[in-house]
Amino acid sequence: MASVSLPPLASDTAMVMAAGLGKRMRPLTATMPKPLVRVAGKPLIDHSLDRLAEAGVQRAIVNVHYLADALEAHLAKRQAPAIAISNERALLLETGGGMVAAEALLPDPFFCINSDNIWLDGPRSAFHELSAAWDAARMDALLLVVPHARAFNYEGKGDFHLDPHGRVGRRKHGRIAPFIYTGIQLVAKRLLREAPEGAFSTNLLWSRAIEEGRLYGVAHLGEWFEVGSPAMIAPTEARLAGA
């Protein structure tokens, strides 16, 4: 069988979002941060970090807030990727504010990934898929999205449409959108320009990029798992065991 050629990675660094309160994962998160909840034999954050290491991403900037000491102690045991901490103990900054707070630690561009992600790759890794589609001249961010048929445990209405060029549009009210955001993206620092201070959602920056025609998406060729609540853990484990 011929090997799949891998494009060079667009970045050697990823921002890993790990500061959230994990309210939907209660009661498990009453005593541990959500990234340390175990699924299929290891903490959620290790699924994400292992995928980064396997793809060749060298550095991970991990933001911490809720039960931060426990999360930092766990991360200190890892060998790869190299970990740096973005400390949000004083104030939870949400996704957009978290990226802005860590901006000095991030190259241009950088991957950004939620710490509670579990997925199976297609012919090549998610990070190589994003890198192959990346065009800094046209894009402020490139989102990895997945069609409903490849989203496991997901019961929502979808998030985005893609036009024939890959530009992203939001789901219309009362409609279903064909693609779901996986929590994985490749981000140019241009997206963070003139950002508000304090806590805010990345959605604010995405809306501006959509208006400017600079938010793009690429469809994931593997499977993606929604693991937002305790009830989703067992079916995810069963599916992974049979994969």
C-alpha atoms as a PDB file:
ATOM      1  CA  MET A   1       0.000   0.000   0.000  1.00  0.00           C
ATOM      2  CA  ALA A   2       1.364   3.436  -0.935  1.00  0.00           C
ATOM      3  CA  SER A   3       2.114   5.737   1.958  1.00  0.00           C
ATOM      4  CA  VAL A   4       0.160   8.972   2.383  1.00  0.00           C
ATOM      5  CA  SER A   5       2.376  11.998   1.804  1.00  0.00           C
ATOM      6  CA  LEU A   6       2.338  14.474   4.662  1.00  0.00           C
ATOM      7  CA  PRO A   7       2.479  18.209   4.048  1.00  0.00           C
ATOM      8  CA  PRO A   8       4.779  20.152   6.356  1.00  0.00           C
ATOM      9  CA  LEU A   9       3.060  21.365   9.503  1.00  0.00           C
ATOM     10  CA  ALA A  10       2.000  24.996   9.351  1.00  0.00           C
ATOM     11  CA  SER A  11       3.079  25.479  12.999  1.00  0.00           C
ATOM     12  CA  ASP A  12       5.132  23.706  15.641  1.00  0.00           C
ATOM     13  CA  THR A  13       2.922  24.997  18.490  1.00  0.00           C
ATOM     14  CA  ALA A  14      -0.636  24.460  19.720  1.00  0.00           C
ATOM     15  CA  MET A  15      -2.720  26.329  22.265  1.00  0.00           C
ATOM     16  CA  VAL A  16      -4.619  23.753  24.348  1.00  0.00           C
ATOM     17  CA  MET A  17      -7.762  25.108  25.993  1.00  0.00           C
ATOM     18  CA  ALA A  18      -7.963  23.510  29.451  1.00  0.00           C
ATOM     19  CA  ALA A  19      -9.225  26.252  31.769  1.00  0.00           C
ATOM     20  CA  GLY A  20     -12.980  25.637  31.666  1.00  0.00           C
ATOM     21  CA  LEU A  21     -15.154  24.676  34.636  1.00  0.00           C
ATOM     22  CA  GLY A  22     -16.520  21.488  33.047  1.00  0.00           C
ATOM     23  CA  LYS A  23     -20.043  22.033  34.373  1.00  0.00           C
ATOM     24  CA  ARG A  24     -21.659  19.567  31.971  1.00  0.00           C
ATOM     25  CA  MET A  25     -19.312  16.836  33.208  1.00  0.00           C
ATOM     26  CA  ARG A  26     -20.499  17.070  36.837  1.00  0.00           C
ATOM     27  CA  PRO A  27     -20.384  15.252  39.226  1.00  0.00           C
ATOM     28  CA  LEU A  28     -17.026  14.001  37.911  1.00  0.00           C
ATOM     29  CA  THR A  29     -15.653  17.549  37.817  1.00  0.00           C
ATOM     30  CA  ALA A  30     -16.588  18.284  41.414  1.00  0.00           C
ATOM     31  CA  THR A  31     -13.154  16.978  42.425  1.00  0.00           C
ATOM     32  CA  MET A  32     -11.064  17.142  39.249  1.00  0.00           C
ATOM     33  CA  PRO A  33     -10.734  19.445  36.230  1.00  0.00           C
ATOM     34  CA  LYS A  34     -12.487  18.147  33.133  1.00  0.00           C
ATOM     35  CA  PRO A  35      -9.211  17.580  31.209  1.00  0.00           C
ATOM     36  CA  LEU A  36      -8.291  14.914  33.786  1.00  0.00           C
ATOM     37  CA  VAL A  37     -11.536  12.928  33.442  1.00  0.00           C
ATOM     38  CA  ARG A  38     -10.511   9.501  32.131  1.00  0.00           C
ATOM     39  CA  VAL A  39     -11.934   8.126  28.895  1.00  0.00           C
ATOM     40  CA  ALA A  40     -10.680   4.911  27.284  1.00  0.00           C
ATOM     41  CA  GLY A  41      -7.909   4.499  29.815  1.00  0.00           C
ATOM     42  CA  LYS A  42      -6.424   7.983  29.985  1.00  0.00           C
ATOM     43  CA  PRO A  43      -7.316  11.589  30.817  1.00  0.00           C
ATOM     44  CA  LEU A  44      -9.060  13.599  28.116  1.00  0.00           C
ATOM     45  CA  ILE A  45      -6.183  16.045  27.778  1.00  0.00           C
ATOM     46  CA  ASP A  46      -3.766  13.199  27.067  1.00  0.00           C
ATOM     47  CA  HIS A  47      -5.827  12.180  24.050  1.00  0.00           C
ATOM     48  CA  SER A  48      -5.280  15.682  22.635  1.00  0.00           C
ATOM     49  CA  LEU A  49      -1.620  15.953  23.631  1.00  0.00           C
ATOM     50  CA  ASP A  50      -0.812  12.493  22.295  1.00  0.00           C
ATOM     51  CA  ARG A  51      -2.314  13.424  18.922  1.00  0.00           C
ATOM     52  CA  LEU A  52      -0.209  16.581  18.857  1.00  0.00           C
ATOM     53  CA  ALA A  53       2.956  14.626  19.632  1.00  0.00           C
ATOM     54  CA  GLU A  54       2.163  11.963  17.027  1.00  0.00           C
ATOM     55  CA  ALA A  55       1.716  14.646  14.367  1.00  0.00           C
ATOM     56  CA  GLY A  56       5.049  16.268  15.244  1.00  0.00           C
ATOM     57  CA  VAL A  57       3.780  19.381  17.013  1.00  0.00           C
ATOM     58  CA  GLN A  58       6.622  20.309  19.359  1.00  0.00           C
ATOM     59  CA  ARG A  59       5.069  22.711  21.894  1.00  0.00           C
ATOM     60  CA  ALA A  60       1.751  23.042  23.698  1.00  0.00           C
ATOM     61  CA  ILE A  61       0.630  26.150  25.560  1.00  0.00           C
ATOM     62  CA  VAL A  62      -1.984  24.992  28.088  1.00  0.00           C
ATOM     63  CA  ASN A  63      -4.194  27.492  29.889  1.00  0.00           C
ATOM     64  CA  VAL A  64      -5.298  26.592  33.412  1.00  0.00           C
ATOM     65  CA  HIS A  65      -7.893  27.944  35.849  1.00  0.00           C
ATOM     66  CA  TYR A  66     -10.197  25.434  37.603  1.00  0.00           C
ATOM     67  CA  LEU A  67      -8.256  23.098  39.948  1.00  0.00           C
ATOM     68  CA  ALA A  68      -5.144  24.310  38.175  1.00  0.00           C
ATOM     69  CA  ASP A  69      -2.655  22.715  40.573  1.00  0.00           C
ATOM     70  CA  ALA A  70      -3.913  19.212  39.804  1.00  0.00           C
ATOM     71  CA  LEU A  71      -3.745  19.826  36.068  1.00  0.00           C
ATOM     72  CA  GLU A  72      -0.243  21.302  36.234  1.00  0.00           C
ATOM     73  CA  ALA A  73       0.986  18.361  38.313  1.00  0.00           C
ATOM     74  CA  HIS A  74      -0.312  15.962  35.678  1.00  0.00           C
ATOM     75  CA  LEU A  75       1.225  17.917  32.791  1.00  0.00           C
ATOM     76  CA  ALA A  76       4.609  17.997  34.508  1.00  0.00           C
ATOM     77  CA  LYS A  77       4.859  14.218  34.022  1.00  0.00           C
ATOM     78  CA  ARG A  78       4.617  14.385  30.225  1.00  0.00           C
ATOM     79  CA  GLN A  79       7.595  14.069  27.907  1.00  0.00           C
ATOM     80  CA  ALA A  80       6.081  15.444  24.693  1.00  0.00           C
ATOM     81  CA  PRO A  81       5.033  17.847  23.470  1.00  0.00           C
ATOM     82  CA  ALA A  82       6.926  20.408  25.563  1.00  0.00           C
ATOM     83  CA  ILE A  83       4.406  22.150  27.850  1.00  0.00           C
ATOM     84  CA  ALA A  84       4.183  25.807  28.839  1.00  0.00           C
ATOM     85  CA  ILE A  85       1.434  27.085  31.141  1.00  0.00           C
ATOM     86  CA  SER A  86      -0.752  30.135  30.556  1.00  0.00           C
ATOM     87  CA  ASN A  87      -2.001  30.952  34.049  1.00  0.00           C
ATOM     88  CA  GLU A  88      -5.628  32.074  34.300  1.00  0.00           C
ATOM     89  CA  ARG A  89      -6.066  31.328  38.002  1.00  0.00           C
ATOM     90  CA  ALA A  90      -7.098  34.914  38.751  1.00  0.00           C
ATOM     91  CA  LEU A  91      -9.722  35.173  36.011  1.00  0.00           C
ATOM     92  CA  LEU A  92     -11.246  32.659  33.584  1.00  0.00           C
ATOM     93  CA  LEU A  93     -10.846  34.348  30.205  1.00  0.00           C
ATOM     94  CA  GLU A  94     -12.947  32.081  27.945  1.00  0.00           C
ATOM     95  CA  THR A  95     -11.631  30.913  24.589  1.00  0.00           C
ATOM     96  CA  GLY A  96     -10.898  34.246  22.946  1.00  0.00           C
ATOM     97  CA  GLY A  97      -9.470  35.895  26.034  1.00  0.00           C
ATOM     98  CA  GLY A  98      -7.373  32.809  26.676  1.00  0.00           C
ATOM     99  CA  MET A  99      -5.710  33.056  23.281  1.00  0.00           C
ATOM    100  CA  VAL A 100      -5.035  36.767  23.721  1.00  0.00           C
ATOM    101  CA  ALA A 101      -3.508  36.185  27.183  1.00  0.00           C
ATOM    102  CA  ALA A 102      -1.147  33.579  25.723  1.00  0.00           C
ATOM    103  CA  GLU A 103      -0.317  35.527  22.554  1.00  0.00           C
ATOM    104  CA  ALA A 104       3.286  36.270  23.545  1.00  0.00           C
ATOM    105  CA  LEU A 105       3.940  32.514  23.809  1.00  0.00           C
ATOM    106  CA  LEU A 106       2.425  31.710  20.410  1.00  0.00           C
ATOM    107  CA  PRO A 107       3.980  31.771  16.933  1.00  0.00           C
ATOM    108  CA  ASP A 108       2.124  32.880  13.796  1.00  0.00           C
ATOM    109  CA  PRO A 109       0.175  30.790  12.910  1.00  0.00           C
ATOM    110  CA  PHE A 110      -0.625  28.341  15.721  1.00  0.00           C
ATOM    111  CA  PHE A 111      -2.953  25.417  16.208  1.00  0.00           C
ATOM    112  CA  CYS A 112      -5.677  25.773  18.839  1.00  0.00           C
ATOM    113  CA  ILE A 113      -7.401  22.728  20.291  1.00  0.00           C
ATOM    114  CA  ASN A 114      -9.892  22.009  23.045  1.00  0.00           C
ATOM    115  CA  SER A 115      -8.480  19.761  25.756  1.00  0.00           C
ATOM    116  CA  ASP A 116     -11.556  17.500  25.825  1.00  0.00           C
ATOM    117  CA  ASN A 117     -11.297  16.377  22.197  1.00  0.00           C
ATOM    118  CA  ILE A 118     -11.274  12.763  21.078  1.00  0.00           C
ATOM    119  CA  TRP A 119     -11.109  11.878  17.409  1.00  0.00           C
ATOM    120  CA  LEU A 120      -9.878   9.266  14.965  1.00  0.00           C
ATOM    121  CA  ASP A 121      -7.802  10.548  12.074  1.00  0.00           C
ATOM    122  CA  GLY A 122      -8.393   9.760   8.427  1.00  0.00           C
ATOM    123  CA  PRO A 123      -5.529   9.136   5.962  1.00  0.00           C
ATOM    124  CA  ARG A 124      -3.413  11.795   7.700  1.00  0.00           C
ATOM    125  CA  SER A 125      -3.563  13.658  10.983  1.00  0.00           C
ATOM    126  CA  ALA A 126      -5.956  16.514  11.626  1.00  0.00           C
ATOM    127  CA  PHE A 127      -2.985  18.850  11.931  1.00  0.00           C
ATOM    128  CA  HIS A 128      -1.576  17.813   8.562  1.00  0.00           C
ATOM    129  CA  GLU A 129      -5.044  18.227   7.024  1.00  0.00           C
ATOM    130  CA  LEU A 130      -5.216  21.794   8.329  1.00  0.00           C
ATOM    131  CA  SER A 131      -1.659  22.502   7.231  1.00  0.00           C
ATOM    132  CA  ALA A 132      -2.333  21.260   3.684  1.00  0.00           C
ATOM    133  CA  ALA A 133      -5.313  23.629   3.332  1.00  0.00           C
ATOM    134  CA  TRP A 134      -3.723  26.646   5.037  1.00  0.00           C
ATOM    135  CA  ASP A 135      -3.332  29.863   3.045  1.00  0.00           C
ATOM    136  CA  ALA A 136      -2.113  32.756   5.201  1.00  0.00           C
ATOM    137  CA  ALA A 137      -2.890  35.298   2.480  1.00  0.00           C
ATOM    138  CA  ARG A 138      -6.608  34.434   2.533  1.00  0.00           C
ATOM    139  CA  MET A 139      -7.273  33.092   6.039  1.00  0.00           C
ATOM    140  CA  ASP A 140      -7.460  34.447   9.564  1.00  0.00           C
ATOM    141  CA  ALA A 141      -8.443  31.001  10.852  1.00  0.00           C
ATOM    142  CA  LEU A 142      -9.071  27.558   9.410  1.00  0.00           C
ATOM    143  CA  LEU A 143     -11.524  25.377  11.339  1.00  0.00           C
ATOM    144  CA  LEU A 144     -11.578  21.596  11.308  1.00  0.00           C
ATOM    145  CA  VAL A 145     -15.235  20.652  10.911  1.00  0.00           C
ATOM    146  CA  VAL A 146     -16.946  17.302  10.653  1.00  0.00           C
ATOM    147  CA  PRO A 147     -20.184  16.239   8.911  1.00  0.00           C
ATOM    148  CA  HIS A 148     -22.934  14.794  11.073  1.00  0.00           C
ATOM    149  CA  ALA A 149     -22.285  11.276   9.740  1.00  0.00           C
ATOM    150  CA  ARG A 150     -18.764  11.342  11.242  1.00  0.00           C
ATOM    151  CA  ALA A 151     -19.771  12.904  14.587  1.00  0.00           C
ATOM    152  CA  PHE A 152     -20.390  10.343  17.345  1.00  0.00           C
ATOM    153  CA  ASN A 153     -22.660  11.156  20.351  1.00  0.00           C
ATOM    154  CA  TYR A 154     -23.578  14.503  18.761  1.00  0.00           C
ATOM    155  CA  GLU A 155     -27.255  15.513  18.896  1.00  0.00           C
ATOM    156  CA  GLY A 156     -27.138  19.198  17.907  1.00  0.00           C
ATOM    157  CA  LYS A 157     -28.106  21.044  14.725  1.00  0.00           C
ATOM    158  CA  GLY A 158     -24.591  21.717  13.473  1.00  0.00           C
ATOM    159  CA  ASP A 159     -22.591  24.926  13.456  1.00  0.00           C
ATOM    160  CA  PHE A 160     -21.452  25.947   9.991  1.00  0.00           C
ATOM    161  CA  HIS A 161     -21.880  25.825   6.239  1.00  0.00           C
ATOM    162  CA  LEU A 162     -18.946  25.806   3.803  1.00  0.00           C
ATOM    163  CA  ASP A 163     -19.185  27.493   0.418  1.00  0.00           C
ATOM    164  CA  PRO A 164     -17.479  25.928  -2.648  1.00  0.00           C
ATOM    165  CA  HIS A 165     -14.242  27.741  -1.732  1.00  0.00           C
ATOM    166  CA  GLY A 166     -14.286  26.549   1.888  1.00  0.00           C
ATOM    167  CA  ARG A 167     -15.392  29.854   3.412  1.00  0.00           C
ATOM    168  CA  VAL A 168     -17.420  29.453   6.589  1.00  0.00           C
ATOM    169  CA  GLY A 169     -20.965  30.657   7.180  1.00  0.00           C
ATOM    170  CA  ARG A 170     -22.976  30.226  10.363  1.00  0.00           C
ATOM    171  CA  ARG A 171     -26.045  28.064  10.793  1.00  0.00           C
ATOM    172  CA  LYS A 172     -29.251  30.005  10.222  1.00  0.00           C
ATOM    173  CA  HIS A 173     -31.811  30.164  13.042  1.00  0.00           C
ATOM    174  CA  GLY A 174     -34.237  27.249  12.885  1.00  0.00           C
ATOM    175  CA  ARG A 175     -32.128  25.404  10.315  1.00  0.00           C
ATOM    176  CA  ILE A 176     -29.632  22.547  10.373  1.00  0.00           C
ATOM    177  CA  ALA A 177     -26.042  23.150   9.287  1.00  0.00           C
ATOM    178  CA  PRO A 178     -24.083  20.294   7.680  1.00  0.00           C
ATOM    179  CA  PHE A 179     -20.852  20.757   9.628  1.00  0.00           C
ATOM    180  CA  ILE A 180     -19.931  20.659  13.323  1.00  0.00           C
ATOM    181  CA  TYR A 181     -16.893  22.428  14.756  1.00  0.00           C
ATOM    182  CA  THR A 182     -14.490  19.875  16.240  1.00  0.00           C
ATOM    183  CA  GLY A 183     -12.681  22.234  18.614  1.00  0.00           C
ATOM    184  CA  ILE A 184      -9.542  22.187  16.419  1.00  0.00           C
ATOM    185  CA  GLN A 185      -8.359  25.128  14.346  1.00  0.00           C
ATOM    186  CA  LEU A 186      -5.310  26.793  12.820  1.00  0.00           C
ATOM    187  CA  VAL A 187      -5.133  30.473  13.722  1.00  0.00           C
ATOM    188  CA  ALA A 188      -3.267  33.467  12.341  1.00  0.00           C
ATOM    189  CA  LYS A 189      -2.399  36.130  14.878  1.00  0.00           C
ATOM    190  CA  ARG A 190      -4.258  38.563  12.634  1.00  0.00           C
ATOM    191  CA  LEU A 191      -7.452  37.048  14.070  1.00  0.00           C
ATOM    192  CA  LEU A 192      -6.499  38.415  17.512  1.00  0.00           C
ATOM    193  CA  ARG A 193      -5.978  42.023  16.429  1.00  0.00           C
ATOM    194  CA  GLU A 194      -7.913  44.733  18.317  1.00  0.00           C
ATOM    195  CA  ALA A 195      -9.410  42.097  20.601  1.00  0.00           C
ATOM    196  CA  PRO A 196     -11.367  43.241  23.669  1.00  0.00           C
ATOM    197  CA  GLU A 197      -9.804  43.021  27.104  1.00  0.00           C
ATOM    198  CA  GLY A 198     -10.722  40.327  29.599  1.00  0.00           C
ATOM    199  CA  ALA A 199     -12.987  37.349  29.013  1.00  0.00           C
ATOM    200  CA  PHE A 200     -14.681  36.810  25.659  1.00  0.00           C
ATOM    201  CA  SER A 201     -15.528  34.013  23.229  1.00  0.00           C
ATOM    202  CA  THR A 202     -13.610  33.252  20.043  1.00  0.00           C
ATOM    203  CA  ASN A 203     -16.999  33.566  18.343  1.00  0.00           C
ATOM    204  CA  LEU A 204     -16.547  37.347  18.458  1.00  0.00           C
ATOM    205  CA  LEU A 205     -13.373  37.097  16.386  1.00  0.00           C
ATOM    206  CA  TRP A 206     -14.863  34.499  14.057  1.00  0.00           C
ATOM    207  CA  SER A 207     -17.824  36.789  13.298  1.00  0.00           C
ATOM    208  CA  ARG A 208     -15.478  39.524  12.117  1.00  0.00           C
ATOM    209  CA  ALA A 209     -13.507  37.026  10.033  1.00  0.00           C
ATOM    210  CA  ILE A 210     -16.742  35.736   8.437  1.00  0.00           C
ATOM    211  CA  GLU A 211     -17.732  39.292   7.509  1.00  0.00           C
ATOM    212  CA  GLU A 212     -14.315  39.810   5.914  1.00  0.00           C
ATOM    213  CA  GLY A 213     -14.442  36.449   4.106  1.00  0.00           C
ATOM    214  CA  ARG A 214     -11.391  35.197   6.003  1.00  0.00           C
ATOM    215  CA  LEU A 215     -12.816  32.325   8.089  1.00  0.00           C
ATOM    216  CA  TYR A 216     -12.414  28.977   6.339  1.00  0.00           C
ATOM    217  CA  GLY A 217     -13.107  25.357   7.133  1.00  0.00           C
ATOM    218  CA  VAL A 218     -11.861  21.944   6.083  1.00  0.00           C
ATOM    219  CA  ALA A 219     -13.856  18.739   6.529  1.00  0.00           C
ATOM    220  CA  HIS A 220     -12.358  16.073   8.787  1.00  0.00           C
ATOM    221  CA  LEU A 221     -12.024  12.671   7.094  1.00  0.00           C
ATOM    222  CA  GLY A 222     -12.050  10.628  10.299  1.00  0.00           C
ATOM    223  CA  GLU A 223     -14.460  10.402  13.236  1.00  0.00           C
ATOM    224  CA  TRP A 224     -15.015  12.902  16.034  1.00  0.00           C
ATOM    225  CA  PHE A 225     -16.553  12.205  19.448  1.00  0.00           C
ATOM    226  CA  GLU A 226     -18.685  14.506  21.566  1.00  0.00           C
ATOM    227  CA  VAL A 227     -17.632  13.801  25.171  1.00  0.00           C
ATOM    228  CA  GLY A 228     -19.375  16.595  27.039  1.00  0.00           C
ATOM    229  CA  SER A 229     -21.152  14.694  29.808  1.00  0.00           C
ATOM    230  CA  PRO A 230     -20.638  11.517  31.893  1.00  0.00           C
ATOM    231  CA  ALA A 231     -23.309   9.713  29.851  1.00  0.00           C
ATOM    232  CA  MET A 232     -21.181  10.072  26.710  1.00  0.00           C
ATOM    233  CA  ILE A 233     -18.119   8.315  28.150  1.00  0.00           C
ATOM    234  CA  ALA A 234     -19.249   4.663  27.941  1.00  0.00           C
ATOM    235  CA  PRO A 235     -20.497   4.803  24.321  1.00  0.00           C
ATOM    236  CA  THR A 236     -17.317   6.611  23.297  1.00  0.00           C
ATOM    237  CA  GLU A 237     -15.186   3.935  24.946  1.00  0.00           C
ATOM    238  CA  ALA A 238     -17.179   1.186  23.239  1.00  0.00           C
ATOM    239  CA  ARG A 239     -16.792   2.821  19.836  1.00  0.00           C
ATOM    240  CA  LEU A 240     -13.060   3.364  20.312  1.00  0.00           C
ATOM    241  CA  ALA A 241     -12.597  -0.233  21.442  1.00  0.00           C
ATOM    242  CA  GLY A 242     -14.131  -1.439  18.187  1.00  0.00           C
ATOM    243  CA  ALA A 243     -12.274   1.004  15.944  1.00  0.00           C
END
